Amino acid sequence: MGLFKRRAQSPIQPVSAHSASDRWWVPDARLGEYVSDRLPTTEEVRVAVVERLPGEMASGALLRVAEQASEILKHHPNEPDIVGCAKGLGGYLRGRSGLPASELEDLIFRVWLGVGFHLLEDASKAQREGLVHPTIWNAMVVASMGDGEEASDGRISRVYSIARDGGYSAYRHRLMAEDVFQACDFSQL
């Protein structure tokens, strides 16, 4: 008699290349949700992938991605190269932007974190040629929102955001500072 007994349906789980138990993880995304990988510019401000943002914030994905971006940098085998990249880009950016010397440490930190976002995207196998994973993108955008709280003015906040974007781009594309910030006209800020 149990032959036609109705079974409780289990929820459908998406098939994922990245499980939450993986050490380096970002949520799955459709290729159409990825964002074009562009070098930082002073002419535009990165805007969040709005369709994903509420779910990412509610699930804690953005916080987890930011924490992992920082964690992947700690004791990384290329740590001296990463620190050198962050210092070089931070110093170059400070000079080009005209920010006071007191901002150098904050710029270096933001470049360093941008490198971490790239390393996380790469380690999680979520990187696509010419594109940025939408959660990585959103995490960088949300981090930029926090820059406004720390910075004494909007100009400094904008340069902080450019520093993080520059760290991501420089390490991903192995570019020198002049090439990373070529589209930045700091006199516009």
N, C-alpha and C. Protein backbone atom coordinates (compact mmCIF):
# COMPACT_ATOMS: atom_id res chain seq x y z
N MET A 1 0.80 -1.19 0.00
CA MET A 1 0.00 0.00 0.00
C MET A 1 0.85 1.25 0.00
N GLY A 2 2.09 1.15 0.38
CA GLY A 2 2.97 2.30 0.39
C GLY A 2 3.55 2.59 -0.98
N LEU A 3 3.11 1.83 -1.99
CA LEU A 3 3.66 1.98 -3.32
C LEU A 3 3.45 3.38 -3.89
N PHE A 4 2.29 3.97 -3.65
CA PHE A 4 2.00 5.28 -4.19
C PHE A 4 2.05 6.36 -3.12
N LYS A 5 2.70 6.06 -2.03
CA LYS A 5 2.81 7.02 -0.94
C LYS A 5 3.64 8.22 -1.40
N ARG A 6 3.12 9.37 -1.11
CA ARG A 6 3.81 10.60 -1.52
C ARG A 6 5.01 10.85 -0.60
N ARG A 7 6.15 11.07 -1.20
CA ARG A 7 7.36 11.36 -0.44
C ARG A 7 7.48 12.86 -0.22
N ALA A 8 8.09 13.21 0.87
CA ALA A 8 8.36 14.63 1.12
C ALA A 8 9.40 15.09 0.11
N GLN A 9 9.15 16.19 -0.52
CA GLN A 9 10.07 16.70 -1.53
C GLN A 9 11.20 17.46 -0.85
N SER A 10 12.37 17.17 -1.31
CA SER A 10 13.51 17.93 -0.79
C SER A 10 13.70 19.16 -1.66
N PRO A 11 14.17 20.24 -1.05
CA PRO A 11 14.39 21.45 -1.86
C PRO A 11 15.46 21.20 -2.92
N ILE A 12 15.30 21.83 -4.05
CA ILE A 12 16.27 21.69 -5.13
C ILE A 12 17.49 22.54 -4.80
N GLN A 13 18.63 21.93 -4.82
CA GLN A 13 19.88 22.63 -4.54
C GLN A 13 20.58 22.90 -5.86
N PRO A 14 21.07 24.12 -6.07
CA PRO A 14 21.78 24.39 -7.31
C PRO A 14 23.10 23.63 -7.35
N VAL A 15 23.45 23.20 -8.52
CA VAL A 15 24.75 22.55 -8.70
C VAL A 15 25.78 23.66 -8.69
N SER A 16 26.83 23.46 -7.92
CA SER A 16 27.80 24.53 -7.74
C SER A 16 29.21 24.02 -7.93
N ALA A 17 30.00 24.81 -8.61
CA ALA A 17 31.42 24.48 -8.73
C ALA A 17 32.16 24.89 -7.46
N HIS A 18 31.53 25.72 -6.65
CA HIS A 18 32.15 26.23 -5.43
C HIS A 18 31.22 25.92 -4.28
N SER A 19 31.59 25.02 -3.42
CA SER A 19 30.74 24.76 -2.26
C SER A 19 31.15 25.66 -1.12
N ALA A 20 30.24 25.90 -0.21
CA ALA A 20 30.52 26.79 0.92
C ALA A 20 31.65 26.25 1.80
N SER A 21 31.97 24.97 1.66
CA SER A 21 33.03 24.40 2.48
C SER A 21 34.42 24.59 1.85
N ASP A 22 34.48 25.02 0.59
CA ASP A 22 35.76 25.28 -0.04
C ASP A 22 36.48 26.39 0.73
N ARG A 23 37.79 26.31 0.78
CA ARG A 23 38.54 27.32 1.51
C ARG A 23 38.36 28.71 0.90
N TRP A 24 38.47 28.83 -0.40
CA TRP A 24 38.30 30.11 -1.08
C TRP A 24 37.05 30.02 -1.94
N TRP A 25 36.07 30.81 -1.61
CA TRP A 25 34.74 30.66 -2.16
C TRP A 25 34.12 32.00 -2.50
N VAL A 26 33.43 32.04 -3.62
CA VAL A 26 32.51 33.13 -3.95
C VAL A 26 31.24 32.48 -4.46
N PRO A 27 30.09 33.13 -4.29
CA PRO A 27 28.83 32.53 -4.75
C PRO A 27 28.85 32.32 -6.27
N ASP A 28 28.08 31.36 -6.72
CA ASP A 28 27.96 31.12 -8.16
C ASP A 28 27.32 32.34 -8.82
N ALA A 29 27.65 32.53 -10.08
CA ALA A 29 27.07 33.62 -10.85
C ALA A 29 26.95 33.20 -12.31
N ARG A 30 25.91 33.69 -12.95
CA ARG A 30 25.77 33.45 -14.38
C ARG A 30 26.75 34.36 -15.12
N LEU A 31 27.21 33.93 -16.25
CA LEU A 31 28.17 34.70 -17.03
C LEU A 31 27.63 36.10 -17.34
N GLY A 32 26.34 36.22 -17.57
CA GLY A 32 25.73 37.52 -17.86
C GLY A 32 25.74 38.48 -16.69
N GLU A 33 26.00 37.97 -15.48
CA GLU A 33 26.06 38.84 -14.29
C GLU A 33 27.46 39.41 -14.07
N TYR A 34 28.46 38.83 -14.72
CA TYR A 34 29.82 39.33 -14.59
C TYR A 34 29.90 40.75 -15.15
N VAL A 35 30.87 41.51 -14.66
CA VAL A 35 31.04 42.91 -15.03
C VAL A 35 32.32 43.04 -15.83
N SER A 36 32.31 43.92 -16.82
CA SER A 36 33.48 44.16 -17.65
C SER A 36 34.65 44.62 -16.78
N ASP A 37 35.80 44.02 -17.00
CA ASP A 37 37.02 44.35 -16.27
C ASP A 37 37.66 45.57 -16.92
N ARG A 38 37.59 46.69 -16.22
CA ARG A 38 38.16 47.94 -16.73
C ARG A 38 39.18 48.48 -15.72
N LEU A 39 40.16 49.17 -16.24
CA LEU A 39 41.11 49.83 -15.35
C LEU A 39 40.42 50.98 -14.64
N PRO A 40 40.91 51.35 -13.46
CA PRO A 40 40.30 52.45 -12.73
C PRO A 40 40.35 53.75 -13.53
N THR A 41 39.35 54.57 -13.33
CA THR A 41 39.27 55.86 -13.99
C THR A 41 38.66 56.88 -13.04
N THR A 42 38.98 58.13 -13.24
CA THR A 42 38.38 59.18 -12.42
C THR A 42 37.07 59.66 -13.04
N GLU A 43 36.75 59.19 -14.23
CA GLU A 43 35.56 59.66 -14.93
C GLU A 43 34.29 58.91 -14.56
N GLU A 44 34.43 57.77 -13.94
CA GLU A 44 33.25 57.01 -13.55
C GLU A 44 33.44 56.38 -12.19
N VAL A 45 32.34 56.17 -11.52
CA VAL A 45 32.34 55.53 -10.21
C VAL A 45 31.73 54.15 -10.38
N ARG A 46 32.35 53.15 -9.80
CA ARG A 46 31.78 51.80 -9.90
C ARG A 46 30.44 51.76 -9.18
N VAL A 47 29.48 51.13 -9.83
CA VAL A 47 28.14 50.99 -9.29
C VAL A 47 27.88 49.50 -9.07
N ALA A 48 27.20 49.18 -7.99
CA ALA A 48 26.94 47.78 -7.62
C ALA A 48 26.07 47.10 -8.66
N VAL A 49 26.20 45.77 -8.74
CA VAL A 49 25.30 44.94 -9.53
C VAL A 49 24.05 44.81 -8.67
N VAL A 50 23.10 45.71 -8.90
CA VAL A 50 21.96 45.92 -8.02
C VAL A 50 21.11 44.66 -7.85
N GLU A 51 20.95 43.88 -8.90
CA GLU A 51 20.10 42.69 -8.82
C GLU A 51 20.61 41.70 -7.76
N ARG A 52 21.89 41.65 -7.55
CA ARG A 52 22.48 40.67 -6.62
C ARG A 52 22.66 41.23 -5.21
N LEU A 53 22.77 42.54 -5.09
CA LEU A 53 23.18 43.17 -3.84
C LEU A 53 22.31 42.82 -2.63
N PRO A 54 20.98 42.89 -2.70
CA PRO A 54 20.18 42.55 -1.51
C PRO A 54 20.41 41.13 -1.00
N GLY A 55 20.45 40.17 -1.92
CA GLY A 55 20.69 38.79 -1.51
C GLY A 55 22.07 38.58 -0.93
N GLU A 56 23.07 39.24 -1.52
CA GLU A 56 24.44 39.11 -1.02
C GLU A 56 24.59 39.73 0.36
N MET A 57 23.90 40.83 0.58
CA MET A 57 23.98 41.46 1.90
C MET A 57 23.24 40.62 2.94
N ALA A 58 22.06 40.13 2.58
CA ALA A 58 21.28 39.34 3.52
C ALA A 58 21.96 38.02 3.88
N SER A 59 22.63 37.41 2.91
CA SER A 59 23.27 36.11 3.14
C SER A 59 24.63 36.23 3.82
N GLY A 60 25.17 37.43 3.87
CA GLY A 60 26.50 37.61 4.44
C GLY A 60 27.62 37.34 3.44
N ALA A 61 27.26 37.12 2.16
CA ALA A 61 28.27 36.80 1.15
C ALA A 61 29.30 37.91 0.99
N LEU A 62 28.85 39.16 1.02
CA LEU A 62 29.80 40.27 0.83
C LEU A 62 30.81 40.34 1.97
N LEU A 63 30.33 40.15 3.18
CA LEU A 63 31.24 40.15 4.33
C LEU A 63 32.22 39.00 4.24
N ARG A 64 31.72 37.83 3.86
CA ARG A 64 32.59 36.65 3.75
C ARG A 64 33.65 36.87 2.67
N VAL A 65 33.25 37.43 1.54
CA VAL A 65 34.20 37.69 0.46
C VAL A 65 35.27 38.69 0.92
N ALA A 66 34.86 39.76 1.60
CA ALA A 66 35.83 40.75 2.09
C ALA A 66 36.79 40.12 3.10
N GLU A 67 36.26 39.30 3.98
CA GLU A 67 37.12 38.62 4.97
C GLU A 67 38.10 37.69 4.28
N GLN A 68 37.63 36.95 3.27
CA GLN A 68 38.51 36.03 2.56
C GLN A 68 39.57 36.78 1.76
N ALA A 69 39.21 37.93 1.18
CA ALA A 69 40.18 38.73 0.43
C ALA A 69 41.34 39.15 1.34
N SER A 70 41.02 39.48 2.57
CA SER A 70 42.05 39.84 3.54
C SER A 70 42.83 38.60 3.99
N GLU A 71 42.11 37.52 4.25
CA GLU A 71 42.73 36.29 4.75
C GLU A 71 43.69 35.66 3.73
N ILE A 72 43.32 35.70 2.46
CA ILE A 72 44.17 35.06 1.45
C ILE A 72 45.54 35.74 1.34
N LEU A 73 45.58 37.01 1.73
CA LEU A 73 46.84 37.77 1.67
C LEU A 73 47.80 37.40 2.80
N LYS A 74 47.25 36.97 3.92
CA LYS A 74 48.10 36.65 5.07
C LYS A 74 48.93 35.41 4.76
N HIS A 75 50.22 35.53 4.88
CA HIS A 75 51.17 34.44 4.66
C HIS A 75 51.09 33.89 3.24
N HIS A 76 50.71 34.73 2.27
CA HIS A 76 50.68 34.30 0.87
C HIS A 76 52.11 34.06 0.41
N PRO A 77 52.34 33.05 -0.41
CA PRO A 77 53.71 32.78 -0.85
C PRO A 77 54.35 33.96 -1.60
N ASN A 78 53.55 34.81 -2.20
CA ASN A 78 54.08 35.97 -2.91
C ASN A 78 53.96 37.24 -2.08
N GLU A 79 53.91 37.09 -0.76
CA GLU A 79 53.70 38.24 0.12
C GLU A 79 54.68 39.39 -0.14
N PRO A 80 55.98 39.15 -0.30
CA PRO A 80 56.88 40.29 -0.55
C PRO A 80 56.53 41.03 -1.84
N ASP A 81 56.12 40.30 -2.87
CA ASP A 81 55.72 40.90 -4.14
C ASP A 81 54.44 41.72 -3.96
N ILE A 82 53.50 41.19 -3.20
CA ILE A 82 52.23 41.87 -2.96
C ILE A 82 52.46 43.16 -2.18
N VAL A 83 53.27 43.08 -1.14
CA VAL A 83 53.56 44.27 -0.33
C VAL A 83 54.28 45.31 -1.19
N GLY A 84 55.22 44.85 -2.00
CA GLY A 84 55.93 45.77 -2.89
C GLY A 84 54.99 46.43 -3.88
N CYS A 85 54.08 45.66 -4.43
CA CYS A 85 53.07 46.19 -5.36
C CYS A 85 52.22 47.23 -4.65
N ALA A 86 51.75 46.92 -3.46
CA ALA A 86 50.88 47.84 -2.71
C ALA A 86 51.61 49.14 -2.37
N LYS A 87 52.85 49.02 -1.93
CA LYS A 87 53.63 50.22 -1.60
C LYS A 87 53.91 51.06 -2.84
N GLY A 88 54.29 50.40 -3.91
CA GLY A 88 54.59 51.12 -5.15
C GLY A 88 53.36 51.83 -5.71
N LEU A 89 52.26 51.13 -5.79
CA LEU A 89 51.03 51.74 -6.31
C LEU A 89 50.51 52.82 -5.38
N GLY A 90 50.57 52.55 -4.08
CA GLY A 90 50.10 53.55 -3.11
C GLY A 90 50.90 54.84 -3.19
N GLY A 91 52.23 54.71 -3.27
CA GLY A 91 53.09 55.88 -3.38
C GLY A 91 52.87 56.63 -4.68
N TYR A 92 52.76 55.89 -5.77
CA TYR A 92 52.51 56.51 -7.07
C TYR A 92 51.17 57.25 -7.06
N LEU A 93 50.15 56.59 -6.53
CA LEU A 93 48.82 57.18 -6.50
C LEU A 93 48.77 58.42 -5.59
N ARG A 94 49.46 58.36 -4.46
CA ARG A 94 49.50 59.51 -3.57
C ARG A 94 50.13 60.71 -4.28
N GLY A 95 51.23 60.46 -4.97
CA GLY A 95 51.90 61.54 -5.70
C GLY A 95 51.03 62.11 -6.81
N ARG A 96 50.42 61.24 -7.60
CA ARG A 96 49.58 61.69 -8.72
C ARG A 96 48.32 62.43 -8.24
N SER A 97 47.75 61.95 -7.14
CA SER A 97 46.49 62.53 -6.67
C SER A 97 46.68 63.77 -5.82
N GLY A 98 47.91 63.98 -5.34
CA GLY A 98 48.19 65.14 -4.51
C GLY A 98 47.69 65.00 -3.08
N LEU A 99 47.36 63.78 -2.66
CA LEU A 99 46.92 63.59 -1.28
C LEU A 99 48.10 63.81 -0.34
N PRO A 100 47.83 64.22 0.89
CA PRO A 100 48.94 64.42 1.85
C PRO A 100 49.62 63.10 2.20
N ALA A 101 50.86 63.20 2.63
CA ALA A 101 51.64 62.02 2.99
C ALA A 101 50.96 61.19 4.08
N SER A 102 50.16 61.83 4.91
CA SER A 102 49.47 61.12 5.99
C SER A 102 48.46 60.09 5.45
N GLU A 103 48.11 60.16 4.18
CA GLU A 103 47.15 59.22 3.59
C GLU A 103 47.83 57.99 2.98
N LEU A 104 49.16 57.99 2.92
CA LEU A 104 49.87 56.92 2.23
C LEU A 104 49.55 55.53 2.79
N GLU A 105 49.56 55.38 4.11
CA GLU A 105 49.29 54.07 4.71
C GLU A 105 47.89 53.56 4.34
N ASP A 106 46.91 54.46 4.35
CA ASP A 106 45.55 54.06 3.98
C ASP A 106 45.46 53.67 2.51
N LEU A 107 46.19 54.37 1.65
CA LEU A 107 46.22 54.01 0.22
C LEU A 107 46.85 52.65 0.02
N ILE A 108 47.96 52.39 0.71
CA ILE A 108 48.64 51.10 0.60
C ILE A 108 47.71 49.97 1.03
N PHE A 109 46.99 50.18 2.14
CA PHE A 109 46.05 49.16 2.62
C PHE A 109 44.99 48.87 1.56
N ARG A 110 44.46 49.90 0.93
CA ARG A 110 43.40 49.68 -0.06
C ARG A 110 43.92 48.98 -1.32
N VAL A 111 45.11 49.32 -1.75
CA VAL A 111 45.73 48.60 -2.87
C VAL A 111 45.91 47.13 -2.48
N TRP A 112 46.43 46.90 -1.29
CA TRP A 112 46.66 45.54 -0.78
C TRP A 112 45.36 44.73 -0.79
N LEU A 113 44.27 45.34 -0.33
CA LEU A 113 42.98 44.64 -0.31
C LEU A 113 42.47 44.38 -1.73
N GLY A 114 42.71 45.31 -2.65
CA GLY A 114 42.35 45.09 -4.05
C GLY A 114 43.06 43.88 -4.62
N VAL A 115 44.34 43.72 -4.28
CA VAL A 115 45.08 42.53 -4.70
C VAL A 115 44.41 41.28 -4.11
N GLY A 116 43.98 41.37 -2.86
CA GLY A 116 43.30 40.23 -2.21
C GLY A 116 42.02 39.85 -2.93
N PHE A 117 41.25 40.83 -3.39
CA PHE A 117 40.03 40.51 -4.15
C PHE A 117 40.38 39.75 -5.42
N HIS A 118 41.44 40.18 -6.10
CA HIS A 118 41.87 39.44 -7.31
C HIS A 118 42.30 38.01 -6.95
N LEU A 119 43.13 37.88 -5.92
CA LEU A 119 43.62 36.55 -5.54
C LEU A 119 42.47 35.62 -5.15
N LEU A 120 41.48 36.14 -4.45
CA LEU A 120 40.32 35.34 -4.06
C LEU A 120 39.53 34.91 -5.29
N GLU A 121 39.30 35.83 -6.20
CA GLU A 121 38.56 35.48 -7.42
C GLU A 121 39.29 34.39 -8.19
N ASP A 122 40.59 34.50 -8.28
CA ASP A 122 41.40 33.50 -8.98
C ASP A 122 41.39 32.16 -8.25
N ALA A 123 41.62 32.17 -6.93
CA ALA A 123 41.69 30.93 -6.15
C ALA A 123 40.35 30.20 -6.09
N SER A 124 39.26 30.93 -6.19
CA SER A 124 37.94 30.30 -6.14
C SER A 124 37.51 29.79 -7.51
N LYS A 125 38.36 29.97 -8.51
CA LYS A 125 38.09 29.53 -9.89
C LYS A 125 36.89 30.26 -10.48
N ALA A 126 36.65 31.49 -10.02
CA ALA A 126 35.50 32.26 -10.50
C ALA A 126 35.90 33.32 -11.52
N GLN A 127 37.18 33.42 -11.82
CA GLN A 127 37.64 34.46 -12.72
C GLN A 127 37.36 34.08 -14.17
N ARG A 128 36.89 35.04 -14.94
CA ARG A 128 36.63 34.86 -16.36
C ARG A 128 37.40 35.93 -17.12
N GLU A 129 37.90 35.58 -18.29
CA GLU A 129 38.69 36.49 -19.10
C GLU A 129 37.92 37.78 -19.40
N GLY A 130 38.52 38.91 -19.05
CA GLY A 130 37.94 40.21 -19.35
C GLY A 130 36.75 40.60 -18.47
N LEU A 131 36.47 39.81 -17.43
CA LEU A 131 35.30 40.05 -16.59
C LEU A 131 35.66 39.96 -15.11
N VAL A 132 34.84 40.59 -14.29
CA VAL A 132 34.99 40.54 -12.83
C VAL A 132 33.74 39.86 -12.26
N HIS A 133 33.94 38.92 -11.35
CA HIS A 133 32.81 38.23 -10.71
C HIS A 133 31.93 39.28 -10.02
N PRO A 134 30.60 39.17 -10.14
CA PRO A 134 29.73 40.22 -9.59
C PRO A 134 29.81 40.38 -8.07
N THR A 135 30.07 39.32 -7.34
CA THR A 135 30.17 39.46 -5.88
C THR A 135 31.50 40.12 -5.50
N ILE A 136 32.56 39.82 -6.22
CA ILE A 136 33.84 40.51 -6.01
C ILE A 136 33.64 42.00 -6.30
N TRP A 137 32.99 42.28 -7.41
CA TRP A 137 32.70 43.67 -7.79
C TRP A 137 31.90 44.36 -6.70
N ASN A 138 30.80 43.72 -6.26
CA ASN A 138 29.96 44.33 -5.24
C ASN A 138 30.70 44.53 -3.93
N ALA A 139 31.55 43.58 -3.57
CA ALA A 139 32.32 43.73 -2.33
C ALA A 139 33.25 44.94 -2.42
N MET A 140 33.84 45.17 -3.59
CA MET A 140 34.70 46.35 -3.75
C MET A 140 33.87 47.64 -3.71
N VAL A 141 32.68 47.60 -4.31
CA VAL A 141 31.81 48.78 -4.28
C VAL A 141 31.37 49.09 -2.85
N VAL A 142 30.96 48.07 -2.10
CA VAL A 142 30.51 48.28 -0.72
C VAL A 142 31.68 48.74 0.14
N ALA A 143 32.87 48.20 -0.09
CA ALA A 143 34.05 48.66 0.65
C ALA A 143 34.30 50.14 0.37
N SER A 144 34.04 50.57 -0.85
CA SER A 144 34.20 51.98 -1.20
C SER A 144 33.22 52.86 -0.44
N MET A 145 32.04 52.34 -0.18
CA MET A 145 31.07 53.10 0.61
C MET A 145 31.60 53.36 2.01
N GLY A 146 32.31 52.39 2.57
CA GLY A 146 32.92 52.54 3.88
C GLY A 146 34.05 53.54 3.88
N ASP A 147 34.68 53.74 2.71
CA ASP A 147 35.76 54.72 2.62
C ASP A 147 35.28 56.11 2.95
N GLY A 148 34.05 56.41 2.59
CA GLY A 148 33.49 57.74 2.86
C GLY A 148 33.39 58.04 4.33
N GLU A 149 33.19 57.01 5.13
CA GLU A 149 33.10 57.19 6.57
C GLU A 149 34.46 57.48 7.18
N GLU A 150 35.52 56.91 6.59
CA GLU A 150 36.87 57.09 7.12
C GLU A 150 37.54 58.35 6.60
N ALA A 151 37.24 58.71 5.37
CA ALA A 151 37.94 59.82 4.73
C ALA A 151 37.39 61.16 5.23
N SER A 152 38.29 62.15 5.24
CA SER A 152 37.88 63.47 5.71
C SER A 152 37.10 64.25 4.65
N ASP A 153 37.22 63.84 3.39
CA ASP A 153 36.42 64.49 2.34
C ASP A 153 36.16 63.50 1.21
N GLY A 154 35.25 63.87 0.33
CA GLY A 154 34.85 62.99 -0.77
C GLY A 154 35.96 62.71 -1.75
N ARG A 155 36.86 63.65 -1.93
CA ARG A 155 37.98 63.44 -2.85
C ARG A 155 38.89 62.31 -2.36
N ILE A 156 39.19 62.32 -1.09
CA ILE A 156 40.04 61.26 -0.52
C ILE A 156 39.33 59.92 -0.64
N SER A 157 38.04 59.89 -0.37
CA SER A 157 37.26 58.66 -0.49
C SER A 157 37.32 58.11 -1.91
N ARG A 158 37.23 58.99 -2.89
CA ARG A 158 37.28 58.57 -4.30
C ARG A 158 38.65 57.99 -4.64
N VAL A 159 39.71 58.62 -4.15
CA VAL A 159 41.06 58.11 -4.42
C VAL A 159 41.26 56.76 -3.72
N TYR A 160 40.69 56.58 -2.53
CA TYR A 160 40.75 55.28 -1.85
C TYR A 160 40.13 54.19 -2.73
N SER A 161 38.99 54.49 -3.32
CA SER A 161 38.30 53.53 -4.18
C SER A 161 39.15 53.21 -5.41
N ILE A 162 39.75 54.22 -5.99
CA ILE A 162 40.63 54.01 -7.15
C ILE A 162 41.83 53.15 -6.75
N ALA A 163 42.34 53.34 -5.54
CA ALA A 163 43.48 52.54 -5.05
C ALA A 163 43.11 51.06 -4.98
N ARG A 164 41.93 50.74 -4.45
CA ARG A 164 41.50 49.34 -4.34
C ARG A 164 41.31 48.73 -5.73
N ASP A 165 40.65 49.50 -6.61
CA ASP A 165 40.46 49.03 -7.99
C ASP A 165 41.80 48.82 -8.67
N GLY A 166 42.74 49.74 -8.41
CA GLY A 166 44.07 49.64 -9.00
C GLY A 166 44.83 48.42 -8.52
N GLY A 167 44.71 48.10 -7.23
CA GLY A 167 45.35 46.88 -6.71
C GLY A 167 44.82 45.63 -7.39
N TYR A 168 43.51 45.58 -7.56
CA TYR A 168 42.89 44.45 -8.25
C TYR A 168 43.45 44.35 -9.67
N SER A 169 43.41 45.45 -10.41
CA SER A 169 43.82 45.45 -11.81
C SER A 169 45.31 45.21 -11.98
N ALA A 170 46.12 45.84 -11.15
CA ALA A 170 47.58 45.71 -11.29
C ALA A 170 48.01 44.27 -11.11
N TYR A 171 47.50 43.61 -10.11
CA TYR A 171 47.95 42.25 -9.85
C TYR A 171 47.34 41.26 -10.84
N ARG A 172 46.10 41.51 -11.25
CA ARG A 172 45.47 40.61 -12.22
C ARG A 172 46.17 40.68 -13.56
N HIS A 173 46.52 41.89 -13.99
CA HIS A 173 47.08 42.08 -15.33
C HIS A 173 48.59 42.29 -15.33
N ARG A 174 49.20 42.27 -14.16
CA ARG A 174 50.65 42.47 -14.02
C ARG A 174 51.08 43.77 -14.69
N LEU A 175 50.42 44.86 -14.29
CA LEU A 175 50.69 46.17 -14.87
C LEU A 175 51.50 47.03 -13.91
N MET A 176 52.23 47.94 -14.47
CA MET A 176 52.96 48.93 -13.69
C MET A 176 52.00 50.07 -13.34
N ALA A 177 52.35 50.85 -12.33
CA ALA A 177 51.47 51.91 -11.83
C ALA A 177 51.05 52.88 -12.94
N GLU A 178 51.99 53.25 -13.80
CA GLU A 178 51.65 54.20 -14.87
C GLU A 178 50.54 53.65 -15.75
N ASP A 179 50.57 52.35 -15.99
CA ASP A 179 49.56 51.72 -16.85
C ASP A 179 48.23 51.55 -16.12
N VAL A 180 48.28 51.22 -14.84
CA VAL A 180 47.06 51.01 -14.07
C VAL A 180 46.23 52.28 -14.00
N PHE A 181 46.88 53.40 -13.74
CA PHE A 181 46.18 54.66 -13.50
C PHE A 181 46.20 55.60 -14.71
N GLN A 182 46.44 55.04 -15.89
CA GLN A 182 46.54 55.88 -17.10
C GLN A 182 45.24 56.64 -17.41
N ALA A 183 44.09 56.09 -17.03
CA ALA A 183 42.81 56.74 -17.33
C ALA A 183 42.34 57.66 -16.19
N CYS A 184 43.24 57.95 -15.26
CA CYS A 184 42.87 58.79 -14.11
C CYS A 184 43.39 60.21 -14.29
N ASP A 185 42.47 61.16 -14.27
CA ASP A 185 42.82 62.58 -14.30
C ASP A 185 42.44 63.14 -12.94
N PHE A 186 43.39 63.20 -12.03
CA PHE A 186 43.11 63.58 -10.65
C PHE A 186 42.77 65.06 -10.50
N SER A 187 43.00 65.83 -11.53
CA SER A 187 42.60 67.25 -11.46
C SER A 187 41.07 67.38 -11.52
N GLN A 188 40.39 66.33 -11.96
CA GLN A 188 38.92 66.33 -12.03
C GLN A 188 38.28 66.10 -10.67
N LEU A 189 39.02 65.56 -9.73
CA LEU A 189 38.43 65.22 -8.43
C LEU A 189 38.34 66.42 -7.52
